[in-house]
């Protein structure tokens, strides 16, 4: 395992995740303030938007696209793999919203805590199951 590559990828993944925190938060506040959604359903919507944002940037800058894998399939794999980290993320967010008046007032604090809690799981699952180049794609017409 090339530790320099792993370190560069994790740094890129983390940086993209930090930018996605702003996307996630903007979408959450838009869902709550403009669409009248509650903080829980708005968070589910904002997570989907932020996950799509991170998939695209990680495909473009962190890992590259896996050869022979259609974009739509890779996006679905990314959502599936990152749903593990997403559940951790959402669980931390929901627990903090439910128990902390400060987080209920400042939802961005819950978004940040949730995002950090799912980061490591999302990185390794994405690297292994979404952007891996080590094996042929079993869904690809070429394999």
N, C-alpha and C. Protein backbone atom coordinates (compact mmCIF):
# COMPACT_ATOMS: atom_id res chain seq x y z
N UNK A 1 0.85 -1.18 0.00
CA UNK A 1 0.00 0.00 0.00
C UNK A 1 0.90 1.24 0.00
N UNK A 2 0.62 2.14 -0.89
CA UNK A 2 1.37 3.39 -1.01
C UNK A 2 0.79 4.40 -0.02
N UNK A 3 1.52 4.64 1.08
CA UNK A 3 1.01 5.53 2.12
C UNK A 3 0.93 6.98 1.67
N UNK A 4 1.81 7.39 0.77
CA UNK A 4 1.73 8.77 0.26
C UNK A 4 0.45 8.96 -0.56
N UNK A 5 0.13 7.97 -1.39
CA UNK A 5 -1.11 8.04 -2.17
C UNK A 5 -2.32 8.03 -1.23
N UNK A 6 -2.31 7.13 -0.27
CA UNK A 6 -3.41 7.05 0.69
C UNK A 6 -3.58 8.37 1.44
N UNK A 7 -2.47 8.95 1.86
CA UNK A 7 -2.51 10.22 2.58
C UNK A 7 -3.04 11.35 1.69
N UNK A 8 -2.58 11.40 0.45
CA UNK A 8 -3.06 12.43 -0.49
C UNK A 8 -4.55 12.26 -0.76
N UNK A 9 -4.97 11.02 -0.96
CA UNK A 9 -6.39 10.77 -1.20
C UNK A 9 -7.24 11.13 0.01
N UNK A 10 -6.79 10.77 1.20
CA UNK A 10 -7.56 11.09 2.40
C UNK A 10 -7.63 12.60 2.59
N UNK A 11 -6.53 13.29 2.34
CA UNK A 11 -6.53 14.76 2.44
C UNK A 11 -7.50 15.38 1.45
N UNK A 12 -7.47 14.92 0.22
CA UNK A 12 -8.39 15.42 -0.80
C UNK A 12 -9.84 15.12 -0.43
N UNK A 13 -10.08 13.89 0.02
CA UNK A 13 -11.42 13.47 0.42
C UNK A 13 -11.92 14.35 1.57
N UNK A 14 -11.03 14.60 2.54
CA UNK A 14 -11.40 15.44 3.68
C UNK A 14 -11.66 16.88 3.29
N UNK A 15 -10.84 17.42 2.39
CA UNK A 15 -11.03 18.79 1.91
C UNK A 15 -12.35 18.93 1.16
N UNK A 16 -12.63 17.97 0.30
CA UNK A 16 -13.91 17.99 -0.43
C UNK A 16 -15.06 17.86 0.56
N UNK A 17 -14.88 17.01 1.57
CA UNK A 17 -15.90 16.88 2.60
C UNK A 17 -16.13 18.17 3.37
N UNK A 18 -15.05 18.91 3.62
CA UNK A 18 -15.18 20.20 4.31
C UNK A 18 -15.97 21.19 3.47
N UNK A 19 -15.71 21.22 2.18
CA UNK A 19 -16.49 22.10 1.29
C UNK A 19 -17.94 21.62 1.24
N UNK A 20 -18.12 20.31 1.23
CA UNK A 20 -19.47 19.75 1.20
C UNK A 20 -20.25 20.10 2.46
N UNK A 21 -19.55 20.35 3.54
CA UNK A 21 -20.23 20.78 4.77
C UNK A 21 -21.02 22.06 4.51
N UNK A 22 -20.45 22.97 3.73
CA UNK A 22 -21.16 24.20 3.38
C UNK A 22 -22.34 23.92 2.46
N UNK A 23 -22.15 23.02 1.51
CA UNK A 23 -23.24 22.63 0.60
C UNK A 23 -24.36 22.00 1.41
N UNK A 24 -24.00 21.07 2.28
CA UNK A 24 -24.96 20.36 3.12
C UNK A 24 -25.74 21.35 3.98
N UNK A 25 -25.02 22.25 4.63
CA UNK A 25 -25.66 23.23 5.51
C UNK A 25 -26.57 24.17 4.73
N UNK A 26 -26.12 24.64 3.58
CA UNK A 26 -26.95 25.54 2.76
C UNK A 26 -28.22 24.83 2.31
N UNK A 27 -28.09 23.58 1.90
CA UNK A 27 -29.28 22.82 1.48
C UNK A 27 -30.22 22.58 2.66
N UNK A 28 -29.65 22.28 3.83
CA UNK A 28 -30.47 22.06 5.02
C UNK A 28 -31.25 23.32 5.38
N UNK A 29 -30.55 24.44 5.46
CA UNK A 29 -31.25 25.68 5.81
C UNK A 29 -32.25 26.08 4.72
N UNK A 30 -31.93 25.82 3.46
CA UNK A 30 -32.88 26.08 2.38
C UNK A 30 -34.13 25.22 2.52
N UNK A 31 -33.93 23.95 2.86
CA UNK A 31 -35.07 23.05 3.03
C UNK A 31 -35.93 23.48 4.22
N UNK A 32 -35.30 23.90 5.30
CA UNK A 32 -36.03 24.31 6.51
C UNK A 32 -36.70 25.68 6.31
N UNK A 33 -35.93 26.65 5.84
CA UNK A 33 -36.43 28.02 5.76
C UNK A 33 -37.28 28.30 4.52
N UNK A 34 -36.91 27.71 3.41
CA UNK A 34 -37.63 28.00 2.16
C UNK A 34 -38.73 26.99 1.84
N UNK A 35 -38.48 25.73 2.18
CA UNK A 35 -39.46 24.69 1.86
C UNK A 35 -40.33 24.30 3.05
N UNK A 36 -40.00 24.81 4.24
CA UNK A 36 -40.79 24.53 5.43
C UNK A 36 -40.63 23.12 5.98
N UNK A 37 -39.54 22.44 5.59
CA UNK A 37 -39.31 21.09 6.10
C UNK A 37 -38.78 21.17 7.53
N UNK A 38 -38.95 20.08 8.28
CA UNK A 38 -38.36 20.05 9.61
C UNK A 38 -36.88 19.71 9.49
N UNK A 39 -36.15 19.84 10.58
CA UNK A 39 -34.71 19.64 10.56
C UNK A 39 -34.29 18.21 10.26
N UNK A 40 -35.16 17.23 10.46
CA UNK A 40 -34.82 15.84 10.19
C UNK A 40 -34.99 15.50 8.71
N UNK A 41 -36.15 15.81 8.15
CA UNK A 41 -36.37 15.51 6.73
C UNK A 41 -35.52 16.43 5.85
N UNK A 42 -35.32 17.66 6.29
CA UNK A 42 -34.44 18.57 5.57
C UNK A 42 -33.02 18.05 5.54
N UNK A 43 -32.60 17.40 6.62
CA UNK A 43 -31.25 16.84 6.70
C UNK A 43 -31.09 15.68 5.75
N UNK A 44 -32.11 14.86 5.60
CA UNK A 44 -32.04 13.75 4.64
C UNK A 44 -31.87 14.29 3.22
N UNK A 45 -32.60 15.33 2.89
CA UNK A 45 -32.48 15.95 1.57
C UNK A 45 -31.10 16.59 1.39
N UNK A 46 -30.63 17.28 2.41
CA UNK A 46 -29.33 17.96 2.29
C UNK A 46 -28.19 16.93 2.19
N UNK A 47 -28.33 15.80 2.87
CA UNK A 47 -27.30 14.75 2.79
C UNK A 47 -27.20 14.23 1.36
N UNK A 48 -28.33 14.00 0.72
CA UNK A 48 -28.33 13.50 -0.66
C UNK A 48 -27.64 14.49 -1.59
N UNK A 49 -27.95 15.77 -1.44
CA UNK A 49 -27.30 16.79 -2.26
C UNK A 49 -25.80 16.87 -2.01
N UNK A 50 -25.42 16.83 -0.75
CA UNK A 50 -23.99 16.90 -0.41
C UNK A 50 -23.26 15.63 -0.86
N UNK A 51 -23.90 14.48 -0.74
CA UNK A 51 -23.27 13.23 -1.19
C UNK A 51 -23.04 13.25 -2.70
N UNK A 52 -23.98 13.78 -3.43
CA UNK A 52 -23.83 13.89 -4.89
C UNK A 52 -22.68 14.84 -5.22
N UNK A 53 -22.61 15.94 -4.53
CA UNK A 53 -21.53 16.90 -4.69
C UNK A 53 -20.17 16.25 -4.43
N UNK A 54 -20.05 15.50 -3.32
CA UNK A 54 -18.77 14.88 -2.98
C UNK A 54 -18.43 13.76 -3.95
N UNK A 55 -19.42 13.01 -4.40
CA UNK A 55 -19.16 11.95 -5.38
C UNK A 55 -18.51 12.56 -6.63
N UNK A 56 -19.10 13.61 -7.13
CA UNK A 56 -18.59 14.21 -8.36
C UNK A 56 -17.15 14.71 -8.17
N UNK A 57 -16.90 15.44 -7.11
CA UNK A 57 -15.56 15.99 -6.90
C UNK A 57 -14.53 14.90 -6.59
N UNK A 58 -14.93 13.88 -5.83
CA UNK A 58 -14.00 12.79 -5.56
C UNK A 58 -13.71 11.98 -6.82
N UNK A 59 -14.69 11.83 -7.67
CA UNK A 59 -14.49 11.17 -8.96
C UNK A 59 -13.51 11.98 -9.80
N UNK A 60 -13.64 13.27 -9.76
CA UNK A 60 -12.84 14.15 -10.62
C UNK A 60 -11.43 14.38 -10.07
N UNK A 61 -11.30 14.55 -8.74
CA UNK A 61 -10.01 14.98 -8.18
C UNK A 61 -9.32 13.97 -7.27
N UNK A 62 -10.06 13.20 -6.51
CA UNK A 62 -9.44 12.34 -5.50
C UNK A 62 -9.04 10.98 -6.05
N UNK A 63 -9.99 10.29 -6.67
CA UNK A 63 -9.75 8.92 -7.11
C UNK A 63 -9.74 8.75 -8.62
N UNK A 64 -10.43 9.61 -9.32
CA UNK A 64 -10.63 9.41 -10.75
C UNK A 64 -11.78 8.45 -10.97
N UNK A 65 -12.21 8.35 -12.19
CA UNK A 65 -13.33 7.45 -12.47
C UNK A 65 -12.78 6.05 -12.68
N UNK A 66 -13.52 5.06 -12.24
CA UNK A 66 -13.13 3.68 -12.47
C UNK A 66 -13.42 3.34 -13.92
N UNK A 67 -12.45 2.79 -14.63
CA UNK A 67 -12.67 2.48 -16.04
C UNK A 67 -13.81 1.48 -16.23
N UNK A 68 -14.62 1.75 -17.23
CA UNK A 68 -15.70 0.82 -17.57
C UNK A 68 -16.92 0.89 -16.68
N UNK A 69 -16.96 1.82 -15.74
CA UNK A 69 -18.11 1.93 -14.85
C UNK A 69 -18.92 3.16 -15.25
N UNK A 70 -20.16 2.96 -15.67
CA UNK A 70 -20.99 4.11 -16.02
C UNK A 70 -21.16 5.06 -14.83
N UNK A 71 -21.25 6.35 -15.13
CA UNK A 71 -21.36 7.36 -14.07
C UNK A 71 -22.55 7.09 -13.15
N UNK A 72 -23.70 6.76 -13.72
CA UNK A 72 -24.89 6.54 -12.89
C UNK A 72 -24.68 5.37 -11.93
N UNK A 73 -24.04 4.31 -12.40
CA UNK A 73 -23.78 3.16 -11.54
C UNK A 73 -22.79 3.53 -10.44
N UNK A 74 -21.76 4.29 -10.80
CA UNK A 74 -20.79 4.71 -9.80
C UNK A 74 -21.44 5.61 -8.76
N UNK A 75 -22.32 6.51 -9.19
CA UNK A 75 -23.03 7.39 -8.25
C UNK A 75 -23.88 6.54 -7.29
N UNK A 76 -24.59 5.54 -7.82
CA UNK A 76 -25.41 4.69 -6.96
C UNK A 76 -24.54 3.90 -5.98
N UNK A 77 -23.40 3.42 -6.45
CA UNK A 77 -22.47 2.73 -5.55
C UNK A 77 -21.97 3.68 -4.46
N UNK A 78 -21.67 4.90 -4.86
CA UNK A 78 -21.20 5.89 -3.89
C UNK A 78 -22.27 6.13 -2.82
N UNK A 79 -23.51 6.31 -3.24
CA UNK A 79 -24.59 6.52 -2.28
C UNK A 79 -24.75 5.30 -1.37
N UNK A 80 -24.66 4.10 -1.95
CA UNK A 80 -24.80 2.88 -1.15
C UNK A 80 -23.64 2.76 -0.15
N UNK A 81 -22.41 2.91 -0.63
CA UNK A 81 -21.25 2.78 0.25
C UNK A 81 -21.27 3.87 1.32
N UNK A 82 -21.61 5.07 0.93
CA UNK A 82 -21.59 6.18 1.86
C UNK A 82 -22.83 6.24 2.75
N UNK A 83 -23.78 5.36 2.49
CA UNK A 83 -24.93 5.31 3.38
C UNK A 83 -24.52 4.78 4.75
N UNK A 84 -23.46 3.98 4.81
CA UNK A 84 -22.95 3.52 6.11
C UNK A 84 -22.48 4.73 6.91
N UNK A 85 -21.58 5.51 6.30
CA UNK A 85 -21.13 6.74 6.96
C UNK A 85 -22.27 7.72 7.11
N UNK A 86 -23.20 7.69 6.15
CA UNK A 86 -24.37 8.57 6.21
C UNK A 86 -25.26 8.25 7.40
N UNK A 87 -25.41 6.96 7.70
CA UNK A 87 -26.20 6.57 8.88
C UNK A 87 -25.51 7.01 10.18
N UNK A 88 -24.20 6.84 10.20
CA UNK A 88 -23.43 7.33 11.36
C UNK A 88 -23.61 8.85 11.47
N UNK A 89 -23.42 9.52 10.34
CA UNK A 89 -23.55 10.98 10.25
C UNK A 89 -24.93 11.42 10.75
N UNK A 90 -25.97 10.83 10.19
CA UNK A 90 -27.34 11.22 10.53
C UNK A 90 -27.65 10.88 11.99
N UNK A 91 -27.17 9.73 12.45
CA UNK A 91 -27.42 9.33 13.84
C UNK A 91 -26.82 10.32 14.84
N UNK A 92 -25.61 10.74 14.58
CA UNK A 92 -24.98 11.74 15.45
C UNK A 92 -25.75 13.05 15.38
N UNK A 93 -26.08 13.48 14.16
CA UNK A 93 -26.84 14.72 13.97
C UNK A 93 -28.18 14.64 14.73
N UNK A 94 -28.94 13.57 14.51
CA UNK A 94 -30.27 13.44 15.13
C UNK A 94 -30.17 13.39 16.65
N UNK A 95 -29.17 12.67 17.17
CA UNK A 95 -28.99 12.59 18.62
C UNK A 95 -28.68 13.96 19.21
N UNK A 96 -27.83 14.71 18.52
CA UNK A 96 -27.50 16.05 19.02
C UNK A 96 -28.69 17.01 18.93
N UNK A 97 -29.44 16.94 17.84
CA UNK A 97 -30.63 17.79 17.70
C UNK A 97 -31.64 17.46 18.79
N UNK A 98 -31.79 16.16 19.07
CA UNK A 98 -32.78 15.73 20.07
C UNK A 98 -32.37 16.09 21.50
N UNK A 99 -31.07 16.19 21.76
CA UNK A 99 -30.63 16.36 23.14
C UNK A 99 -30.00 17.70 23.46
N UNK A 100 -29.68 18.49 22.45
CA UNK A 100 -28.97 19.74 22.71
C UNK A 100 -29.75 20.95 22.20
N UNK A 101 -30.19 21.81 23.09
CA UNK A 101 -30.87 23.03 22.64
C UNK A 101 -29.97 23.90 21.75
N UNK A 102 -28.68 23.89 22.03
CA UNK A 102 -27.75 24.67 21.22
C UNK A 102 -27.72 24.16 19.79
N UNK A 103 -27.66 22.84 19.63
CA UNK A 103 -27.63 22.26 18.28
C UNK A 103 -28.98 22.46 17.59
N UNK A 104 -30.07 22.40 18.33
CA UNK A 104 -31.39 22.68 17.72
C UNK A 104 -31.44 24.09 17.19
N UNK A 105 -30.79 25.01 17.86
CA UNK A 105 -30.77 26.41 17.41
C UNK A 105 -29.77 26.62 16.29
N UNK A 106 -28.65 25.91 16.35
CA UNK A 106 -27.57 26.04 15.36
C UNK A 106 -27.36 24.69 14.70
N UNK A 107 -28.22 24.34 13.75
CA UNK A 107 -28.18 23.03 13.10
C UNK A 107 -26.82 22.73 12.47
N UNK A 108 -26.10 23.75 12.06
CA UNK A 108 -24.79 23.55 11.46
C UNK A 108 -23.84 22.79 12.40
N UNK A 109 -23.99 22.95 13.70
CA UNK A 109 -23.15 22.21 14.64
C UNK A 109 -23.41 20.72 14.56
N UNK A 110 -24.66 20.35 14.41
CA UNK A 110 -25.01 18.93 14.23
C UNK A 110 -24.54 18.39 12.90
N UNK A 111 -24.64 19.21 11.86
CA UNK A 111 -24.15 18.80 10.54
C UNK A 111 -22.65 18.55 10.59
N UNK A 112 -21.91 19.44 11.22
CA UNK A 112 -20.46 19.29 11.32
C UNK A 112 -20.07 18.05 12.13
N UNK A 113 -20.70 17.85 13.27
CA UNK A 113 -20.38 16.68 14.10
C UNK A 113 -20.72 15.39 13.36
N UNK A 114 -21.85 15.36 12.69
CA UNK A 114 -22.23 14.18 11.92
C UNK A 114 -21.28 13.91 10.77
N UNK A 115 -20.89 14.96 10.08
CA UNK A 115 -19.98 14.81 8.94
C UNK A 115 -18.63 14.25 9.37
N UNK A 116 -18.10 14.77 10.45
CA UNK A 116 -16.81 14.26 10.94
C UNK A 116 -16.92 12.81 11.39
N UNK A 117 -18.04 12.45 11.97
CA UNK A 117 -18.19 11.08 12.48
C UNK A 117 -18.26 10.05 11.36
N UNK A 118 -18.75 10.42 10.19
CA UNK A 118 -18.85 9.47 9.08
C UNK A 118 -17.68 9.50 8.11
N UNK A 119 -16.75 10.43 8.29
CA UNK A 119 -15.68 10.66 7.32
C UNK A 119 -14.81 9.43 7.04
N UNK A 120 -14.31 8.79 8.07
CA UNK A 120 -13.38 7.68 7.89
C UNK A 120 -14.08 6.49 7.22
N UNK A 121 -15.26 6.16 7.68
CA UNK A 121 -16.00 5.06 7.04
C UNK A 121 -16.27 5.37 5.58
N UNK A 122 -16.69 6.58 5.29
CA UNK A 122 -16.97 6.95 3.90
C UNK A 122 -15.73 6.87 3.02
N UNK A 123 -14.58 7.31 3.55
CA UNK A 123 -13.35 7.28 2.76
C UNK A 123 -12.99 5.85 2.36
N UNK A 124 -12.88 4.98 3.35
CA UNK A 124 -12.43 3.62 3.04
C UNK A 124 -13.45 2.84 2.22
N UNK A 125 -14.72 3.02 2.46
CA UNK A 125 -15.73 2.34 1.64
C UNK A 125 -15.73 2.88 0.21
N UNK A 126 -15.57 4.18 0.05
CA UNK A 126 -15.51 4.76 -1.29
C UNK A 126 -14.28 4.27 -2.04
N UNK A 127 -13.16 4.28 -1.36
CA UNK A 127 -11.90 3.86 -1.99
C UNK A 127 -11.97 2.41 -2.44
N UNK A 128 -12.57 1.56 -1.62
CA UNK A 128 -12.58 0.13 -1.90
C UNK A 128 -13.70 -0.29 -2.87
N UNK A 129 -14.91 0.24 -2.68
CA UNK A 129 -16.05 -0.28 -3.42
C UNK A 129 -16.56 0.62 -4.54
N UNK A 130 -16.17 1.87 -4.55
CA UNK A 130 -16.69 2.79 -5.56
C UNK A 130 -15.64 3.14 -6.60
N UNK A 131 -14.45 3.47 -6.15
CA UNK A 131 -13.43 3.99 -7.06
C UNK A 131 -12.26 3.01 -7.26
N UNK A 132 -12.40 1.79 -6.82
CA UNK A 132 -11.33 0.80 -6.92
C UNK A 132 -11.03 0.47 -8.38
N UNK A 133 -9.75 0.36 -8.67
CA UNK A 133 -9.31 -0.04 -10.01
C UNK A 133 -8.67 -1.42 -9.98
N UNK A 134 -8.73 -2.10 -8.84
CA UNK A 134 -7.98 -3.34 -8.66
C UNK A 134 -8.64 -4.57 -9.24
N UNK A 135 -9.90 -4.51 -9.60
CA UNK A 135 -10.57 -5.69 -10.13
C UNK A 135 -11.55 -5.26 -11.21
N UNK A 136 -11.87 -6.16 -12.12
CA UNK A 136 -12.83 -5.81 -13.16
C UNK A 136 -14.21 -5.57 -12.55
N UNK A 137 -14.93 -4.73 -13.19
CA UNK A 137 -16.29 -4.41 -12.74
C UNK A 137 -17.22 -5.53 -13.18
N UNK A 138 -17.85 -6.17 -12.22
CA UNK A 138 -18.71 -7.30 -12.58
C UNK A 138 -19.98 -6.87 -13.28
N UNK A 139 -20.32 -5.58 -13.23
CA UNK A 139 -21.50 -5.09 -13.91
C UNK A 139 -21.19 -4.51 -15.27
N UNK A 140 -19.92 -4.44 -15.59
CA UNK A 140 -19.51 -3.83 -16.85
C UNK A 140 -19.77 -4.79 -18.00
N UNK A 141 -20.23 -4.31 -19.14
CA UNK A 141 -20.45 -5.18 -20.29
C UNK A 141 -19.15 -5.80 -20.80
N UNK A 142 -17.99 -5.21 -20.42
CA UNK A 142 -16.71 -5.72 -20.90
C UNK A 142 -16.18 -6.86 -20.05
N UNK A 143 -16.79 -7.15 -18.91
CA UNK A 143 -16.24 -8.20 -18.05
C UNK A 143 -17.04 -9.48 -18.14
